[in-house]
Amino acid sequence: MPRKQTAEQIYGGMLRGPLTTKAGSAVNQWAGRTAVLSGVATATVSTTVINSDSIILTAFQSSVASNVAQVVRVSSLASGAYFGLQVSPAPVGTDFTITWVIFKTS
């Protein structure tokens, strides 16, 4: 029986359209959503798939209008354990969520 292939393996550079993933809560998650509390500038994501050479893409969602630009960055990382995110300046609203995805490079 042939091994199952991903869309990226089949289509390579010709892949078009959005990718689909599950953003669950597991020790080996590689994509997710993390809520950040109002007035708190950091969040920690526990996952065993993170490595020191991983690429982490982040974005944020907020339902609170603001004229202040907010930046999300990776502030700490422990291979095979967790990574930390920092929001600057700290969010003020109640609905502030960071979405993230990890890409392995090796």
Protein backbone atom coordinates (compact mmCIF):
# COMPACT_ATOMS: atom_id res chain seq x y z
CA MET A 1 0.00 0.00 0.00
CA PRO A 2 1.53 3.37 -0.99
CA ARG A 3 2.31 5.88 1.73
CA LYS A 4 -0.19 8.72 2.09
CA GLN A 5 1.14 12.03 0.73
CA THR A 6 0.30 15.58 1.72
CA ALA A 7 -0.90 18.21 -0.75
CA GLU A 8 2.48 19.93 -0.43
CA GLN A 9 4.29 16.74 -1.50
CA ILE A 10 1.98 16.10 -4.45
CA TYR A 11 1.76 19.63 -5.85
CA GLY A 12 5.03 21.14 -4.62
CA GLY A 13 5.40 24.77 -5.71
CA MET A 14 2.12 24.61 -7.61
CA LEU A 15 -0.05 24.33 -4.50
CA ARG A 16 -2.85 26.88 -4.70
CA GLY A 17 -5.50 27.78 -2.16
CA PRO A 18 -5.66 27.75 1.60
CA LEU A 19 -4.26 24.95 3.73
CA THR A 20 -6.34 23.29 6.43
CA THR A 21 -5.20 22.34 9.92
CA LYS A 22 -6.61 21.43 13.30
CA ALA A 23 -5.82 23.91 16.05
CA GLY A 24 -6.26 21.59 19.00
CA SER A 25 -4.91 21.35 22.48
CA ALA A 26 -2.35 18.55 22.59
CA VAL A 27 1.28 18.08 23.62
CA ASN A 28 2.31 17.74 19.97
CA GLN A 29 0.28 20.57 18.45
CA TRP A 30 1.88 22.56 15.65
CA ALA A 31 -0.83 25.20 15.13
CA GLY A 32 -3.15 26.92 17.55
CA ARG A 33 -4.83 29.91 19.13
CA THR A 34 -3.69 31.36 22.44
CA ALA A 35 -5.70 33.89 24.43
CA VAL A 36 -3.84 36.78 26.06
CA LEU A 37 -5.41 38.38 29.12
CA SER A 38 -5.98 42.11 29.30
CA GLY A 39 -2.96 43.88 30.80
CA VAL A 40 -0.73 40.80 30.45
CA ALA A 41 1.99 40.97 27.83
CA THR A 42 3.09 37.31 27.67
CA ALA A 43 1.73 33.85 26.94
CA THR A 44 3.38 30.42 26.94
CA VAL A 45 2.54 27.64 24.48
CA SER A 46 3.51 24.09 25.48
CA THR A 47 4.28 21.81 22.54
CA THR A 48 6.81 19.05 21.93
CA VAL A 49 7.24 19.82 18.20
CA ILE A 50 9.13 23.09 18.71
CA ASN A 51 12.87 23.15 17.96
CA SER A 52 15.45 25.90 18.08
CA ASP A 53 15.44 26.05 14.26
CA SER A 54 11.63 26.05 13.85
CA ILE A 55 9.88 28.89 12.05
CA ILE A 56 6.93 30.31 13.98
CA LEU A 57 4.39 32.49 12.21
CA THR A 58 2.12 34.57 14.43
CA ALA A 59 -0.85 36.85 13.94
CA PHE A 60 -3.37 38.34 16.31
CA GLN A 61 -7.09 38.88 16.47
CA SER A 62 -8.75 41.56 18.56
CA SER A 63 -12.28 42.85 18.66
CA VAL A 64 -11.19 46.04 20.42
CA ALA A 65 -10.43 48.98 18.14
CA SER A 66 -7.09 50.58 18.91
CA ASN A 67 -4.94 53.26 17.34
CA VAL A 68 -1.81 51.71 18.89
CA ALA A 69 0.18 49.25 16.79
CA GLN A 70 0.77 46.00 18.65
CA VAL A 71 3.62 43.62 17.90
CA VAL A 72 3.70 39.88 18.66
CA ARG A 73 7.13 38.26 18.97
CA VAL A 74 8.63 35.00 20.20
CA SER A 75 10.30 35.88 23.49
CA SER A 76 11.61 32.48 24.61
CA LEU A 77 11.96 28.94 23.32
CA ALA A 78 12.87 25.56 24.82
CA SER A 79 13.31 22.81 22.22
CA GLY A 80 10.81 20.00 22.70
CA ALA A 81 8.93 21.83 25.45
CA TYR A 82 7.47 25.30 24.85
CA PHE A 83 7.79 28.75 23.35
CA GLY A 84 6.83 32.10 24.81
CA LEU A 85 5.04 34.94 23.05
CA GLN A 86 5.18 38.61 23.99
CA VAL A 87 2.76 41.34 22.96
CA SER A 88 4.00 44.91 22.96
CA PRO A 89 2.34 47.02 24.25
CA ALA A 90 0.21 44.79 26.49
CA PRO A 91 -3.35 44.33 25.15
CA VAL A 92 -6.15 46.33 26.74
CA GLY A 93 -9.23 44.50 25.44
CA THR A 94 -10.77 41.25 26.59
CA ASP A 95 -10.80 39.55 23.18
CA PHE A 96 -7.14 39.32 22.19
CA THR A 97 -6.03 36.03 20.64
CA ILE A 98 -2.71 35.09 19.07
CA THR A 99 -2.84 32.54 16.26
CA TRP A 100 0.35 30.66 15.45
CA VAL A 101 1.75 27.87 13.30
CA ILE A 102 5.12 26.06 13.48
CA PHE A 103 7.12 24.99 10.45
CA LYS A 104 9.91 22.45 10.91
CA THR A 105 13.12 23.19 9.04
CA SER A 106 14.91 19.90 9.64
